[in-house]
Full PDB file with SEQRES, HELIX, SHEET, SSBOND, CRYST1, ORIGX, SCALE, CONECT and MASTER records, all heavy atoms in Angstrom:
SEQRES   1 A   37  VAL LEU ASP ASP PHE THR PRO SER SER THR TRP PRO PRO          
SEQRES   2 A   37  THR PHE GLN GLY ARG VAL ASP THR THR ARG LEU GLN TRP          
SEQRES   3 A   37  LEU THR ASP PRO ARG PHE VAL THR THR GLU VAL                  
HELIX    1 AA1 THR A   21  THR A   28  1                                   8    
SHEET    1 AA1 2 THR A  14  PHE A  15  0                                        
SHEET    2 AA1 2 ARG A  18  VAL A  19 -1                                        
CRYST1    1.000    1.000    1.000  90.00  90.00  90.00 P 1           1          
ORIGX1      1.000000  0.000000  0.000000        0.00000                         
ORIGX2      0.000000  1.000000  0.000000        0.00000                         
ORIGX3      0.000000  0.000000  1.000000        0.00000                         
SCALE1      1.000000  0.000000  0.000000        0.00000                         
SCALE2      0.000000  1.000000  0.000000        0.00000                         
SCALE3      0.000000  0.000000  1.000000        0.00000                         
ATOM      1  N   VAL A   1       0.791  -1.224   0.033  1.00  0.00           N  
ATOM      2  CA  VAL A   1       0.103   0.010  -0.033  1.00  0.00           C  
ATOM      3  C   VAL A   1       0.861   1.241  -0.007  1.00  0.00           C  
ATOM      4  O   VAL A   1       1.882   1.420   0.896  1.00  0.00           O  
ATOM      5  CB  VAL A   1      -0.975   0.018   1.178  1.00  0.00           C  
ATOM      6  CG1 VAL A   1      -1.850   1.209   1.203  1.00  0.00           C  
ATOM      7  CG2 VAL A   1      -1.676  -1.301   1.309  1.00  0.00           C  
ATOM      8  N   LEU A   2       0.562   2.071  -0.849  1.00  0.00           N  
ATOM      9  CA  LEU A   2       1.336   3.410  -1.022  1.00  0.00           C  
ATOM     10  C   LEU A   2       0.370   4.566  -0.852  1.00  0.00           C  
ATOM     11  O   LEU A   2      -0.604   4.645  -1.842  1.00  0.00           O  
ATOM     12  CB  LEU A   2       2.118   3.518  -2.276  1.00  0.00           C  
ATOM     13  CG  LEU A   2       3.122   2.396  -2.605  1.00  0.00           C  
ATOM     14  CD1 LEU A   2       2.539   1.254  -3.443  1.00  0.00           C  
ATOM     15  CD2 LEU A   2       4.257   2.873  -3.369  1.00  0.00           C  
ATOM     16  N   ASP A   3       0.502   5.502  -0.092  1.00  0.00           N  
ATOM     17  CA  ASP A   3      -0.443   6.631   0.033  1.00  0.00           C  
ATOM     18  C   ASP A   3       0.136   7.891  -0.337  1.00  0.00           C  
ATOM     19  O   ASP A   3       1.216   7.888  -0.991  1.00  0.00           O  
ATOM     20  CB  ASP A   3      -0.901   6.740   1.489  1.00  0.00           C  
ATOM     21  CG  ASP A   3       0.114   7.233   2.465  1.00  0.00           C  
ATOM     22  OD1 ASP A   3       1.240   7.156   2.067  1.00  0.00           O  
ATOM     23  OD2 ASP A   3      -0.319   7.626   3.689  1.00  0.00           O  
ATOM     24  N   ASP A   4      -0.631   8.921  -0.166  1.00  0.00           N  
ATOM     25  CA  ASP A   4      -0.258  10.365  -0.396  1.00  0.00           C  
ATOM     26  C   ASP A   4      -0.215  10.717  -2.054  1.00  0.00           C  
ATOM     27  O   ASP A   4       0.662  11.451  -2.328  1.00  0.00           O  
ATOM     28  CB  ASP A   4       1.040  10.724   0.171  1.00  0.00           C  
ATOM     29  CG  ASP A   4       0.839  10.603   1.729  1.00  0.00           C  
ATOM     30  OD1 ASP A   4      -0.211  10.887   2.298  1.00  0.00           O  
ATOM     31  OD2 ASP A   4       1.920  10.310   2.456  1.00  0.00           O  
ATOM     32  N   PHE A   5      -0.943  10.059  -2.809  1.00  0.00           N  
ATOM     33  CA  PHE A   5      -1.022  10.474  -4.135  1.00  0.00           C  
ATOM     34  C   PHE A   5      -2.202  11.408  -4.406  1.00  0.00           C  
ATOM     35  O   PHE A   5      -3.220  11.440  -3.660  1.00  0.00           O  
ATOM     36  CB  PHE A   5      -1.286   9.117  -5.104  1.00  0.00           C  
ATOM     37  CG  PHE A   5      -0.007   8.336  -5.109  1.00  0.00           C  
ATOM     38  CD1 PHE A   5       0.162   7.292  -4.202  1.00  0.00           C  
ATOM     39  CD2 PHE A   5       1.000   8.660  -6.051  1.00  0.00           C  
ATOM     40  CE1 PHE A   5       1.274   6.441  -4.305  1.00  0.00           C  
ATOM     41  CE2 PHE A   5       2.247   7.870  -6.095  1.00  0.00           C  
ATOM     42  CZ  PHE A   5       2.320   6.774  -5.276  1.00  0.00           C  
ATOM     43  N   THR A   6      -2.075  12.336  -5.346  1.00  0.00           N  
ATOM     44  CA  THR A   6      -3.064  13.125  -5.927  1.00  0.00           C  
ATOM     45  C   THR A   6      -3.811  12.391  -7.081  1.00  0.00           C  
ATOM     46  O   THR A   6      -3.063  12.021  -7.973  1.00  0.00           O  
ATOM     47  CB  THR A   6      -2.602  14.461  -6.340  1.00  0.00           C  
ATOM     48  OG1 THR A   6      -1.948  14.983  -5.216  1.00  0.00           O  
ATOM     49  CG2 THR A   6      -3.689  15.377  -6.786  1.00  0.00           C  
ATOM     50  N   PRO A   7      -5.111  12.274  -6.947  1.00  0.00           N  
ATOM     51  CA  PRO A   7      -5.720  11.464  -8.140  1.00  0.00           C  
ATOM     52  C   PRO A   7      -5.481  12.071  -9.458  1.00  0.00           C  
ATOM     53  O   PRO A   7      -5.232  13.235  -9.585  1.00  0.00           O  
ATOM     54  CB  PRO A   7      -7.243  11.678  -7.830  1.00  0.00           C  
ATOM     55  CG  PRO A   7      -7.307  11.819  -6.288  1.00  0.00           C  
ATOM     56  CD  PRO A   7      -6.155  12.682  -5.966  1.00  0.00           C  
ATOM     57  N   SER A   8      -5.160  11.167 -10.365  1.00  0.00           N  
ATOM     58  CA  SER A   8      -4.857  11.489 -11.816  1.00  0.00           C  
ATOM     59  C   SER A   8      -5.926  10.834 -12.720  1.00  0.00           C  
ATOM     60  O   SER A   8      -6.165   9.584 -12.612  1.00  0.00           O  
ATOM     61  CB  SER A   8      -3.497  11.144 -12.111  1.00  0.00           C  
ATOM     62  OG  SER A   8      -3.235  11.404 -13.499  1.00  0.00           O  
ATOM     63  N   SER A   9      -6.550  11.588 -13.589  1.00  0.00           N  
ATOM     64  CA  SER A   9      -7.497  10.995 -14.635  1.00  0.00           C  
ATOM     65  C   SER A   9      -6.912  10.714 -15.967  1.00  0.00           C  
ATOM     66  O   SER A   9      -7.477  10.494 -16.902  1.00  0.00           O  
ATOM     67  CB  SER A   9      -8.760  11.818 -14.712  1.00  0.00           C  
ATOM     68  OG  SER A   9      -8.362  13.144 -15.175  1.00  0.00           O  
ATOM     69  N   THR A  10      -5.572  10.978 -16.042  1.00  0.00           N  
ATOM     70  CA  THR A  10      -4.949  10.783 -17.474  1.00  0.00           C  
ATOM     71  C   THR A  10      -3.940   9.562 -17.522  1.00  0.00           C  
ATOM     72  O   THR A  10      -3.662   9.054 -16.420  1.00  0.00           O  
ATOM     73  CB  THR A  10      -3.973  11.985 -17.664  1.00  0.00           C  
ATOM     74  OG1 THR A  10      -2.994  11.970 -16.792  1.00  0.00           O  
ATOM     75  CG2 THR A  10      -4.760  13.393 -17.604  1.00  0.00           C  
ATOM     76  N   TRP A  11      -3.767   9.245 -18.745  1.00  0.00           N  
ATOM     77  CA  TRP A  11      -2.725   8.126 -18.872  1.00  0.00           C  
ATOM     78  C   TRP A  11      -1.619   8.728 -19.788  1.00  0.00           C  
ATOM     79  O   TRP A  11      -2.080   9.150 -20.947  1.00  0.00           O  
ATOM     80  CB  TRP A  11      -3.380   6.851 -19.441  1.00  0.00           C  
ATOM     81  CG  TRP A  11      -2.254   5.724 -19.361  1.00  0.00           C  
ATOM     82  CD1 TRP A  11      -1.490   5.294 -20.469  1.00  0.00           C  
ATOM     83  CD2 TRP A  11      -1.858   5.080 -18.304  1.00  0.00           C  
ATOM     84  NE1 TRP A  11      -0.630   4.482 -20.057  1.00  0.00           N  
ATOM     85  CE2 TRP A  11      -0.779   4.252 -18.638  1.00  0.00           C  
ATOM     86  CE3 TRP A  11      -2.076   5.048 -16.850  1.00  0.00           C  
ATOM     87  CZ2 TRP A  11      -0.021   3.411 -17.864  1.00  0.00           C  
ATOM     88  CZ3 TRP A  11      -1.494   4.369 -16.096  1.00  0.00           C  
ATOM     89  CH2 TRP A  11      -0.433   3.468 -16.623  1.00  0.00           C  
ATOM     90  N   PRO A  12      -0.447   8.617 -19.566  1.00  0.00           N  
ATOM     91  CA  PRO A  12       0.050   8.054 -18.265  1.00  0.00           C  
ATOM     92  C   PRO A  12      -0.335   9.056 -17.135  1.00  0.00           C  
ATOM     93  O   PRO A  12      -0.637  10.266 -17.360  1.00  0.00           O  
ATOM     94  CB  PRO A  12       1.541   8.079 -18.438  1.00  0.00           C  
ATOM     95  CG  PRO A  12       1.911   9.048 -19.541  1.00  0.00           C  
ATOM     96  CD  PRO A  12       0.595   9.060 -20.464  1.00  0.00           C  
ATOM     97  N   PRO A  13      -0.286   8.580 -15.901  1.00  0.00           N  
ATOM     98  CA  PRO A  13      -0.672   9.395 -14.769  1.00  0.00           C  
ATOM     99  C   PRO A  13       0.182  10.659 -14.616  1.00  0.00           C  
ATOM    100  O   PRO A  13       1.447  10.569 -14.730  1.00  0.00           O  
ATOM    101  CB  PRO A  13      -0.594   8.453 -13.547  1.00  0.00           C  
ATOM    102  CG  PRO A  13       0.219   7.410 -14.011  1.00  0.00           C  
ATOM    103  CD  PRO A  13       0.147   7.296 -15.528  1.00  0.00           C  
ATOM    104  N   THR A  14      -0.332  11.749 -14.287  1.00  0.00           N  
ATOM    105  CA  THR A  14       0.403  12.859 -14.125  1.00  0.00           C  
ATOM    106  C   THR A  14       0.308  13.582 -12.782  1.00  0.00           C  
ATOM    107  O   THR A  14      -0.797  13.327 -12.010  1.00  0.00           O  
ATOM    108  CB  THR A  14       0.132  13.920 -15.158  1.00  0.00           C  
ATOM    109  OG1 THR A  14      -1.275  14.400 -15.027  1.00  0.00           O  
ATOM    110  CG2 THR A  14       0.436  13.510 -16.587  1.00  0.00           C  
ATOM    111  N   PHE A  15       1.317  14.375 -12.339  1.00  0.00           N  
ATOM    112  CA  PHE A  15       1.258  15.309 -11.049  1.00  0.00           C  
ATOM    113  C   PHE A  15       1.862  16.451 -11.353  1.00  0.00           C  
ATOM    114  O   PHE A  15       3.019  16.530 -11.855  1.00  0.00           O  
ATOM    115  CB  PHE A  15       1.844  14.436  -9.880  1.00  0.00           C  
ATOM    116  CG  PHE A  15       1.899  15.235  -8.728  1.00  0.00           C  
ATOM    117  CD1 PHE A  15       0.680  15.567  -7.949  1.00  0.00           C  
ATOM    118  CD2 PHE A  15       3.028  15.763  -8.118  1.00  0.00           C  
ATOM    119  CE1 PHE A  15       0.673  16.323  -6.876  1.00  0.00           C  
ATOM    120  CE2 PHE A  15       3.019  16.435  -6.960  1.00  0.00           C  
ATOM    121  CZ  PHE A  15       1.922  16.783  -6.234  1.00  0.00           C  
ATOM    122  N   GLN A  16       1.246  17.560 -11.065  1.00  0.00           N  
ATOM    123  CA  GLN A  16       1.745  18.891 -11.495  1.00  0.00           C  
ATOM    124  C   GLN A  16       2.317  19.114 -12.790  1.00  0.00           C  
ATOM    125  O   GLN A  16       3.361  19.645 -12.928  1.00  0.00           O  
ATOM    126  CB  GLN A  16       2.852  19.342 -10.358  1.00  0.00           C  
ATOM    127  CG  GLN A  16       2.321  19.383  -8.888  1.00  0.00           C  
ATOM    128  CD  GLN A  16       3.247  19.795  -7.885  1.00  0.00           C  
ATOM    129  OE1 GLN A  16       4.511  19.508  -8.064  1.00  0.00           O  
ATOM    130  NE2 GLN A  16       2.795  20.268  -6.767  1.00  0.00           N  
ATOM    131  N   GLY A  17       1.465  18.460 -13.670  1.00  0.00           N  
ATOM    132  CA  GLY A  17       1.828  18.643 -15.245  1.00  0.00           C  
ATOM    133  C   GLY A  17       2.907  17.812 -15.677  1.00  0.00           C  
ATOM    134  O   GLY A  17       3.276  17.903 -16.861  1.00  0.00           O  
ATOM    135  N   ARG A  18       3.448  16.897 -14.955  1.00  0.00           N  
ATOM    136  CA  ARG A  18       4.444  16.005 -15.308  1.00  0.00           C  
ATOM    137  C   ARG A  18       4.072  14.495 -15.134  1.00  0.00           C  
ATOM    138  O   ARG A  18       3.251  14.211 -14.243  1.00  0.00           O  
ATOM    139  CB  ARG A  18       5.790  16.213 -14.595  1.00  0.00           C  
ATOM    140  CG  ARG A  18       6.273  17.511 -14.843  1.00  0.00           C  
ATOM    141  CD  ARG A  18       7.635  17.818 -14.051  1.00  0.00           C  
ATOM    142  NE  ARG A  18       8.136  19.126 -14.206  1.00  0.00           N  
ATOM    143  CZ  ARG A  18       9.241  19.568 -13.775  1.00  0.00           C  
ATOM    144  NH1 ARG A  18      10.098  18.668 -13.379  1.00  0.00           N  
ATOM    145  NH2 ARG A  18       9.669  20.714 -14.000  1.00  0.00           N  
ATOM    146  N   VAL A  19       4.657  13.547 -15.877  1.00  0.00           N  
ATOM    147  CA  VAL A  19       4.332  12.129 -15.760  1.00  0.00           C  
ATOM    148  C   VAL A  19       4.832  11.836 -14.295  1.00  0.00           C  
ATOM    149  O   VAL A  19       5.944  12.104 -13.945  1.00  0.00           O  
ATOM    150  CB  VAL A  19       5.113  11.354 -16.841  1.00  0.00           C  
ATOM    151  CG1 VAL A  19       4.937   9.753 -16.430  1.00  0.00           C  
ATOM    152  CG2 VAL A  19       4.477  11.680 -18.124  1.00  0.00           C  
ATOM    153  N   ASP A  20       3.946  11.098 -13.554  1.00  0.00           N  
ATOM    154  CA  ASP A  20       4.239  10.685 -12.148  1.00  0.00           C  
ATOM    155  C   ASP A  20       4.918   9.255 -12.352  1.00  0.00           C  
ATOM    156  O   ASP A  20       4.287   8.358 -12.496  1.00  0.00           O  
ATOM    157  CB  ASP A  20       2.932  10.526 -11.350  1.00  0.00           C  
ATOM    158  CG  ASP A  20       3.175  10.227 -10.092  1.00  0.00           C  
ATOM    159  OD1 ASP A  20       4.278   9.639  -9.658  1.00  0.00           O  
ATOM    160  OD2 ASP A  20       2.438  10.485  -9.196  1.00  0.00           O  
ATOM    161  N   THR A  21       6.274   9.319 -12.457  1.00  0.00           N  
ATOM    162  CA  THR A  21       7.053   8.126 -12.782  1.00  0.00           C  
ATOM    163  C   THR A  21       6.818   7.075 -11.714  1.00  0.00           C  
ATOM    164  O   THR A  21       6.874   5.935 -11.952  1.00  0.00           O  
ATOM    165  CB  THR A  21       8.580   8.446 -12.987  1.00  0.00           C  
ATOM    166  OG1 THR A  21       9.033   9.108 -11.829  1.00  0.00           O  
ATOM    167  CG2 THR A  21       8.731   9.277 -14.215  1.00  0.00           C  
ATOM    168  N   THR A  22       6.810   7.547 -10.416  1.00  0.00           N  
ATOM    169  CA  THR A  22       6.562   6.503  -9.301  1.00  0.00           C  
ATOM    170  C   THR A  22       5.310   5.736  -9.499  1.00  0.00           C  
ATOM    171  O   THR A  22       5.220   4.494  -9.528  1.00  0.00           O  
ATOM    172  CB  THR A  22       6.597   7.214  -7.862  1.00  0.00           C  
ATOM    173  OG1 THR A  22       7.885   7.865  -7.799  1.00  0.00           O  
ATOM    174  CG2 THR A  22       6.432   6.172  -6.714  1.00  0.00           C  
ATOM    175  N   ARG A  23       4.212   6.407  -9.750  1.00  0.00           N  
ATOM    176  CA  ARG A  23       2.998   5.844 -10.024  1.00  0.00           C  
ATOM    177  C   ARG A  23       2.895   4.940 -11.202  1.00  0.00           C  
ATOM    178  O   ARG A  23       2.355   3.821 -11.190  1.00  0.00           O  
ATOM    179  CB  ARG A  23       1.852   6.962 -10.014  1.00  0.00           C  
ATOM    180  CG  ARG A  23       0.461   6.303 -10.052  1.00  0.00           C  
ATOM    181  CD  ARG A  23      -0.593   7.355 -10.061  1.00  0.00           C  
ATOM    182  NE  ARG A  23      -0.237   8.729  -9.726  1.00  0.00           N  
ATOM    183  CZ  ARG A  23      -0.995   9.814  -9.312  1.00  0.00           C  
ATOM    184  NH1 ARG A  23      -2.286   9.526  -8.908  1.00  0.00           N  
ATOM    185  NH2 ARG A  23      -0.564  10.931  -9.218  1.00  0.00           N  
ATOM    186  N   LEU A  24       3.488   5.470 -12.286  1.00  0.00           N  
ATOM    187  CA  LEU A  24       3.597   4.661 -13.416  1.00  0.00           C  
ATOM    188  C   LEU A  24       4.406   3.305 -13.248  1.00  0.00           C  
ATOM    189  O   LEU A  24       3.917   2.263 -13.820  1.00  0.00           O  
ATOM    190  CB  LEU A  24       4.370   5.639 -14.547  1.00  0.00           C  
ATOM    191  CG  LEU A  24       4.301   4.996 -15.984  1.00  0.00           C  
ATOM    192  CD1 LEU A  24       2.912   4.863 -16.538  1.00  0.00           C  
ATOM    193  CD2 LEU A  24       5.110   5.883 -16.882  1.00  0.00           C  
ATOM    194  N   GLN A  25       5.510   3.469 -12.589  1.00  0.00           N  
ATOM    195  CA  GLN A  25       6.085   2.257 -12.340  1.00  0.00           C  
ATOM    196  C   GLN A  25       5.357   1.156 -11.666  1.00  0.00           C  
ATOM    197  O   GLN A  25       5.298   0.048 -12.030  1.00  0.00           O  
ATOM    198  CB  GLN A  25       7.422   2.374 -11.373  1.00  0.00           C  
ATOM    199  CG  GLN A  25       8.587   3.099 -12.081  1.00  0.00           C  
ATOM    200  CD  GLN A  25       9.679   3.342 -11.100  1.00  0.00           C  
ATOM    201  OE1 GLN A  25       9.476   3.525  -9.911  1.00  0.00           O  
ATOM    202  NE2 GLN A  25      10.994   3.184 -11.589  1.00  0.00           N  
ATOM    203  N   TRP A  26       4.574   1.564 -10.735  1.00  0.00           N  
ATOM    204  CA  TRP A  26       3.731   0.594  -9.784  1.00  0.00           C  
ATOM    205  C   TRP A  26       2.664   0.108 -10.742  1.00  0.00           C  
ATOM    206  O   TRP A  26       2.273  -1.068 -10.655  1.00  0.00           O  
ATOM    207  CB  TRP A  26       3.288   1.297  -8.693  1.00  0.00           C  
ATOM    208  CG  TRP A  26       4.270   1.263  -7.540  1.00  0.00           C  
ATOM    209  CD1 TRP A  26       5.126   2.261  -7.292  1.00  0.00           C  
ATOM    210  CD2 TRP A  26       4.556   0.124  -6.665  1.00  0.00           C  
ATOM    211  NE1 TRP A  26       5.932   1.881  -6.261  1.00  0.00           N  
ATOM    212  CE2 TRP A  26       5.805   0.654  -5.860  1.00  0.00           C  
ATOM    213  CE3 TRP A  26       4.043  -1.159  -6.562  1.00  0.00           C  
ATOM    214  CZ2 TRP A  26       6.222  -0.249  -4.750  1.00  0.00           C  
ATOM    215  CZ3 TRP A  26       4.624  -1.990  -5.532  1.00  0.00           C  
ATOM    216  CH2 TRP A  26       5.709  -1.506  -4.687  1.00  0.00           C  
ATOM    217  N   LEU A  27       1.948   1.024 -11.426  1.00  0.00           N  
ATOM    218  CA  LEU A  27       0.835   0.503 -12.382  1.00  0.00           C  
ATOM    219  C   LEU A  27       1.178  -0.258 -13.478  1.00  0.00           C  
ATOM    220  O   LEU A  27       0.310  -1.004 -13.985  1.00  0.00           O  
ATOM    221  CB  LEU A  27       0.121   1.686 -12.651  1.00  0.00           C  
ATOM    222  CG  LEU A  27      -0.650   2.629 -11.702  1.00  0.00           C  
ATOM    223  CD1 LEU A  27      -1.147   3.907 -12.320  1.00  0.00           C  
ATOM    224  CD2 LEU A  27      -1.838   1.704 -11.081  1.00  0.00           C  
ATOM    225  N   THR A  28       2.394  -0.302 -13.885  1.00  0.00           N  
ATOM    226  CA  THR A  28       2.737  -1.170 -15.089  1.00  0.00           C  
ATOM    227  C   THR A  28       3.772  -2.334 -14.721  1.00  0.00           C  
ATOM    228  O   THR A  28       4.241  -3.079 -15.587  1.00  0.00           O  
ATOM    229  CB  THR A  28       3.530  -0.292 -16.156  1.00  0.00           C  
ATOM    230  OG1 THR A  28       4.676   0.392 -15.435  1.00  0.00           O  
ATOM    231  CG2 THR A  28       2.464   0.806 -16.555  1.00  0.00           C  
ATOM    232  N   ASP A  29       4.191  -2.539 -13.495  1.00  0.00           N  
ATOM    233  CA  ASP A  29       5.104  -3.633 -13.123  1.00  0.00           C  
ATOM    234  C   ASP A  29       4.477  -4.866 -13.273  1.00  0.00           C  
ATOM    235  O   ASP A  29       3.477  -5.078 -12.670  1.00  0.00           O  
ATOM    236  CB  ASP A  29       5.774  -3.393 -11.738  1.00  0.00           C  
ATOM    237  CG  ASP A  29       6.886  -4.337 -11.531  1.00  0.00           C  
ATOM    238  OD1 ASP A  29       6.674  -5.493 -11.414  1.00  0.00           O  
ATOM    239  OD2 ASP A  29       8.036  -3.709 -11.435  1.00  0.00           O  
ATOM    240  N   PRO A  30       5.017  -5.751 -14.007  1.00  0.00           N  
ATOM    241  CA  PRO A  30       4.255  -7.142 -14.278  1.00  0.00           C  
ATOM    242  C   PRO A  30       4.321  -8.107 -13.073  1.00  0.00           C  
ATOM    243  O   PRO A  30       3.593  -8.980 -13.005  1.00  0.00           O  
ATOM    244  CB  PRO A  30       5.097  -7.666 -15.472  1.00  0.00           C  
ATOM    245  CG  PRO A  30       6.512  -7.051 -15.384  1.00  0.00           C  
ATOM    246  CD  PRO A  30       6.207  -5.791 -14.814  1.00  0.00           C  
ATOM    247  N   ARG A  31       5.186  -7.791 -12.002  1.00  0.00           N  
ATOM    248  CA  ARG A  31       5.156  -8.557 -10.788  1.00  0.00           C  
ATOM    249  C   ARG A  31       3.989  -8.270  -9.847  1.00  0.00           C  
ATOM    250  O   ARG A  31       3.743  -8.956  -9.032  1.00  0.00           O  
ATOM    251  CB  ARG A  31       6.475  -8.341 -10.047  1.00  0.00           C  
ATOM    252  CG  ARG A  31       7.739  -8.855 -10.840  1.00  0.00           C  
ATOM    253  CD  ARG A  31       9.045  -8.402 -10.157  1.00  0.00           C  
ATOM    254  NE  ARG A  31       9.172  -6.877 -10.537  1.00  0.00           N  
ATOM    255  CZ  ARG A  31      10.088  -6.200 -10.076  1.00  0.00           C  
ATOM    256  NH1 ARG A  31      11.174  -6.798  -9.490  1.00  0.00           N  
ATOM    257  NH2 ARG A  31      10.192  -4.976 -10.242  1.00  0.00           N  
ATOM    258  N   PHE A  32       3.400  -7.169 -10.177  1.00  0.00           N  
ATOM    259  CA  PHE A  32       2.240  -6.740  -9.273  1.00  0.00           C  
ATOM    260  C   PHE A  32       0.979  -6.460 -10.064  1.00  0.00           C  
ATOM    261  O   PHE A  32       1.058  -6.104 -11.200  1.00  0.00           O  
ATOM    262  CB  PHE A  32       2.598  -5.439  -8.532  1.00  0.00           C  
ATOM    263  CG  PHE A  32       3.709  -5.604  -7.504  1.00  0.00           C  
ATOM    264  CD1 PHE A  32       5.005  -5.437  -7.907  1.00  0.00           C  
ATOM    265  CD2 PHE A  32       3.224  -5.955  -6.175  1.00  0.00           C  
ATOM    266  CE1 PHE A  32       6.022  -5.541  -6.776  1.00  0.00           C  
ATOM    267  CE2 PHE A  32       4.255  -5.991  -5.260  1.00  0.00           C  
ATOM    268  CZ  PHE A  32       5.550  -5.913  -5.580  1.00  0.00           C  
ATOM    269  N   VAL A  33      -0.204  -6.702  -9.414  1.00  0.00           N  
ATOM    270  CA  VAL A  33      -1.444  -6.152 -10.005  1.00  0.00           C  
ATOM    271  C   VAL A  33      -1.776  -5.009  -9.211  1.00  0.00           C  
ATOM    272  O   VAL A  33      -1.931  -5.109  -7.956  1.00  0.00           O  
ATOM    273  CB  VAL A  33      -2.431  -7.288  -9.849  1.00  0.00           C  
ATOM    274  CG1 VAL A  33      -3.872  -6.674 -10.349  1.00  0.00           C  
ATOM    275  CG2 VAL A  33      -2.225  -8.547 -10.722  1.00  0.00           C  
ATOM    276  N   THR A  34      -1.761  -3.757  -9.732  1.00  0.00           N  
ATOM    277  CA  THR A  34      -1.923  -2.569  -9.051  1.00  0.00           C  
ATOM    278  C   THR A  34      -3.083  -1.747  -9.464  1.00  0.00           C  
ATOM    279  O   THR A  34      -3.405  -1.613 -10.652  1.00  0.00           O  
ATOM    280  CB  THR A  34      -0.550  -1.713  -9.109  1.00  0.00           C  
ATOM    281  OG1 THR A  34       0.511  -2.461  -8.757  1.00  0.00           O  
ATOM    282  CG2 THR A  34      -0.651  -0.380  -8.289  1.00  0.00           C  
ATOM    283  N   THR A  35      -3.697  -1.138  -8.450  1.00  0.00           N  
ATOM    284  CA  THR A  35      -4.944  -0.291  -8.849  1.00  0.00           C  
ATOM    285  C   THR A  35      -4.773   1.002  -7.908  1.00  0.00           C  
ATOM    286  O   THR A  35      -4.130   0.764  -6.784  1.00  0.00           O  
ATOM    287  CB  THR A  35      -6.265  -1.017  -8.632  1.00  0.00           C  
ATOM    288  OG1 THR A  35      -7.281  -0.146  -9.116  1.00  0.00           O  
ATOM    289  CG2 THR A  35      -6.442  -1.279  -7.057  1.00  0.00           C  
ATOM    290  N   GLU A  36      -5.276   2.030  -8.436  1.00  0.00           N  
ATOM    291  CA  GLU A  36      -5.319   3.283  -7.668  1.00  0.00           C  
ATOM    292  C   GLU A  36      -6.703   3.541  -7.107  1.00  0.00           C  
ATOM    293  O   GLU A  36      -7.721   3.308  -7.969  1.00  0.00           O  
ATOM    294  CB  GLU A  36      -4.942   4.453  -8.612  1.00  0.00           C  
ATOM    295  CG  GLU A  36      -4.928   5.903  -7.848  1.00  0.00           C  
ATOM    296  CD  GLU A  36      -4.213   6.963  -8.710  1.00  0.00           C  
ATOM    297  OE1 GLU A  36      -3.754   6.590  -9.846  1.00  0.00           O  
ATOM    298  OE2 GLU A  36      -4.284   8.015  -8.270  1.00  0.00           O  
ATOM    299  N   VAL A  37      -6.838   3.755  -5.882  1.00  0.00           N  
ATOM    300  CA  VAL A  37      -8.198   3.939  -5.275  1.00  0.00           C  
ATOM    301  C   VAL A  37      -8.247   5.316  -4.588  1.00  0.00           C  
ATOM    302  O   VAL A  37      -7.395   5.685  -3.805  1.00  0.00           O  
ATOM    303  CB  VAL A  37      -8.378   2.889  -4.080  1.00  0.00           C  
ATOM    304  CG1 VAL A  37      -9.591   3.020  -3.334  1.00  0.00           C  
ATOM    305  CG2 VAL A  37      -8.160   1.460  -4.724  1.00  0.00           C  
TER     306      VAL A  37                                                      
MASTER        0    0    0    1    2    0    0    6  305    1    0    3          
END                                                                             
């Protein structure tokens, strides 16, 4: 569980106008099934 994200409705996910690389890594890593809630 990772907290403190600002919701993003775009793909790839963005934060403050830039790609949120941390979130992108988690959402696309094949070792995990990840969802944002």
